[in-house]
Amino acid sequence: MLGDVARGLTVGITILALFMGGVLIAGIRVIDVPGYDNLGNQRRYLRTREGAIARVDPENRRAYEAGEWAMKVRPLNEIIEKPWFVAQVLVGPVAIVGANWSLVASQPQTPGSKVPAVPASHARIADIGALYTAVAGMLNLLAVIDATSRAGRREE
């Protein structure tokens, strides 16, 4: 919209390459979505009569279905447990689609199993992949700030 096609292509391709590089290095499970456990199930909590909040295991089907999703009950705690997601989601729709794929990949292949279909990365590989995807999101944020700044100067 500003007419800087070369700048837009350079930054856009760089953001996508960084994000995809992180996913290729550490796997799709590098996107760790708040509010979900290692097997792709929603984390759910029940409120007790005393007002306390207790986590519900998905194996306890009745209590699990009666519980509330963790992102409704304690969203800040869920985000604090998975801080990389805040930067990763700044990439935009690509990160949201990747988060969905991550949840699908974390589902067990056989019902009732405790082993995800695609295991999560560990150690340095996971750290490097998370860093690449998070830096892509932060770069996208910087690009948005830069574009709005340039648009404001053009009107003057």
Protein backbone atom coordinates (compact mmCIF):
# COMPACT_ATOMS: atom_id res chain seq x y z
CA MET A 1 0.00 0.00 0.00
CA LEU A 2 2.97 2.30 0.58
CA GLY A 3 4.55 1.45 -2.75
CA ASP A 4 7.64 -0.20 -1.25
CA VAL A 5 7.17 -3.56 -2.98
CA ALA A 6 10.81 -4.63 -2.67
CA ARG A 7 10.87 -3.81 1.06
CA GLY A 8 7.59 -5.67 1.61
CA LEU A 9 8.74 -8.76 -0.27
CA THR A 10 12.10 -8.80 1.50
CA VAL A 11 10.58 -8.52 4.96
CA GLY A 12 7.68 -10.89 4.21
CA ILE A 13 9.89 -13.61 2.75
CA THR A 14 12.33 -13.23 5.65
CA ILE A 15 9.55 -13.59 8.23
CA LEU A 16 8.13 -16.69 6.54
CA ALA A 17 11.59 -18.21 6.07
CA LEU A 18 12.48 -17.67 9.74
CA PHE A 19 9.20 -19.16 10.92
CA MET A 20 9.39 -22.15 8.60
CA GLY A 21 13.07 -22.59 9.49
CA GLY A 22 12.14 -22.88 13.15
CA VAL A 23 9.41 -25.40 12.35
CA LEU A 24 11.78 -27.40 10.14
CA ILE A 25 14.50 -27.42 12.80
CA ALA A 26 12.35 -28.43 15.78
CA GLY A 27 9.18 -29.83 14.21
CA ILE A 28 5.63 -28.54 14.25
CA ARG A 29 5.35 -29.24 17.98
CA VAL A 30 7.64 -26.25 18.60
CA ILE A 31 4.41 -24.25 18.62
CA ASP A 32 3.18 -24.96 22.14
CA VAL A 33 -0.36 -23.63 22.44
CA PRO A 34 -1.52 -22.28 25.82
CA GLY A 35 -4.56 -23.99 27.29
CA TYR A 36 -3.64 -27.43 25.94
CA ASP A 37 -1.62 -30.30 27.40
CA ASN A 38 1.08 -32.47 25.80
CA LEU A 39 -1.55 -34.71 24.16
CA GLY A 40 -3.53 -31.87 22.57
CA ASN A 41 -6.36 -31.99 25.13
CA GLN A 42 -7.77 -28.79 26.55
CA ARG A 43 -6.64 -28.16 30.10
CA ARG A 44 -9.79 -27.92 32.19
CA TYR A 45 -10.43 -26.77 35.74
CA LEU A 46 -13.31 -27.18 38.17
CA ARG A 47 -14.22 -24.64 40.79
CA THR A 48 -14.78 -26.17 44.22
CA ARG A 49 -17.43 -24.98 46.64
CA GLU A 50 -14.76 -23.15 48.61
CA GLY A 51 -13.80 -21.19 45.50
CA ALA A 52 -10.53 -23.02 44.81
CA ILE A 53 -9.65 -24.17 41.32
CA ALA A 54 -8.64 -27.80 40.70
CA ARG A 55 -7.23 -29.21 37.47
CA VAL A 56 -9.24 -32.06 35.95
CA ASP A 57 -7.64 -35.07 34.25
CA PRO A 58 -9.13 -35.97 30.83
CA GLU A 59 -9.48 -39.58 32.01
CA ASN A 60 -12.18 -38.46 34.47
CA ARG A 61 -14.65 -37.87 31.62
CA ARG A 62 -17.55 -36.59 33.70
CA ALA A 63 -15.53 -34.01 35.63
CA TYR A 64 -13.54 -33.10 32.51
CA GLU A 65 -16.66 -32.23 30.55
CA ALA A 66 -18.05 -30.25 33.50
CA GLY A 67 -14.82 -28.26 33.85
CA GLU A 68 -14.02 -24.93 32.23
CA TRP A 69 -11.25 -24.39 29.72
CA ALA A 70 -8.04 -23.12 31.31
CA MET A 71 -7.92 -20.04 29.06
CA LYS A 72 -11.24 -18.92 30.57
CA VAL A 73 -10.35 -19.73 34.16
CA ARG A 74 -6.71 -18.61 34.39
CA PRO A 75 -5.51 -17.22 31.04
CA LEU A 76 -2.53 -15.30 32.38
CA ASN A 77 -1.08 -18.38 34.08
CA GLU A 78 -1.49 -20.41 30.90
CA ILE A 79 0.32 -17.79 28.83
CA ILE A 80 3.10 -17.46 31.43
CA GLU A 81 3.67 -21.23 31.21
CA LYS A 82 4.18 -20.98 27.42
CA PRO A 83 5.65 -17.52 26.78
CA TRP A 84 7.09 -18.27 23.34
CA PHE A 85 3.59 -18.51 21.91
CA VAL A 86 3.04 -14.78 22.42
CA ALA A 87 5.89 -13.97 20.01
CA GLN A 88 5.09 -16.86 17.66
CA VAL A 89 1.49 -15.79 17.15
CA LEU A 90 2.67 -12.36 15.96
CA VAL A 91 3.58 -14.02 12.65
CA GLY A 92 -0.15 -14.04 11.92
CA PRO A 93 -2.33 -16.60 10.15
CA VAL A 94 0.65 -18.85 9.43
CA ALA A 95 1.25 -19.26 13.17
CA ILE A 96 -2.43 -19.91 13.86
CA VAL A 97 -2.54 -22.65 11.21
CA GLY A 98 0.74 -24.02 12.63
CA ALA A 99 -0.74 -24.04 16.13
CA ASN A 100 -3.68 -26.07 14.85
CA TRP A 101 -1.31 -28.54 13.16
CA SER A 102 0.68 -28.75 16.38
CA LEU A 103 -2.46 -29.71 18.31
CA VAL A 104 -3.39 -32.31 15.69
CA ALA A 105 0.15 -33.75 15.74
CA SER A 106 0.08 -34.04 19.52
CA GLN A 107 -3.00 -36.29 19.49
CA PRO A 108 -2.18 -39.97 20.17
CA GLN A 109 -2.37 -42.31 17.18
CA THR A 110 -4.33 -44.90 19.14
CA PRO A 111 -7.23 -43.87 21.40
CA GLY A 112 -6.39 -43.98 25.10
CA SER A 113 -2.65 -43.89 24.49
CA LYS A 114 -0.41 -41.53 26.45
CA VAL A 115 2.10 -41.14 23.60
CA PRO A 116 1.60 -38.30 21.10
CA ALA A 117 1.70 -39.12 17.38
CA VAL A 118 4.56 -36.64 16.89
CA PRO A 119 6.84 -36.20 19.90
CA ALA A 120 7.88 -32.72 20.97
CA SER A 121 11.48 -31.67 20.42
CA HIS A 122 13.80 -31.45 23.38
CA ALA A 123 17.02 -29.73 24.44
CA ARG A 124 18.80 -27.27 22.17
CA ILE A 125 16.87 -28.21 19.03
CA ALA A 126 13.58 -27.14 20.62
CA ASP A 127 15.17 -23.94 21.93
CA ILE A 128 16.59 -23.03 18.54
CA GLY A 129 13.29 -23.74 16.77
CA ALA A 130 11.32 -21.72 19.32
CA LEU A 131 13.80 -18.87 18.99
CA TYR A 132 13.50 -18.80 15.19
CA THR A 133 9.69 -18.79 15.28
CA ALA A 134 9.58 -16.14 18.01
CA VAL A 135 12.07 -13.90 16.21
CA ALA A 136 9.90 -14.17 13.08
CA GLY A 137 6.94 -12.88 15.08
CA MET A 138 8.93 -10.03 16.58
CA LEU A 139 10.27 -9.11 13.13
CA ASN A 140 6.69 -8.99 11.86
CA LEU A 141 5.78 -6.65 14.71
CA LEU A 142 8.73 -4.41 13.83
CA ALA A 143 7.65 -4.41 10.18
CA VAL A 144 4.14 -3.31 11.16
CA ILE A 145 5.53 -0.52 13.36
CA ASP A 146 7.88 0.57 10.55
CA ALA A 147 5.08 0.57 7.95
CA THR A 148 2.76 2.63 10.15
CA SER A 149 5.57 5.06 10.87
CA ARG A 150 6.31 5.47 7.16
CA ALA A 151 2.60 5.88 6.36
CA GLY A 152 2.30 8.63 8.99
CA ARG A 153 5.27 10.52 7.54
CA ARG A 154 3.86 10.38 4.01
CA GLU A 155 0.70 12.21 5.01
CA GLU A 156 2.73 15.09 6.43
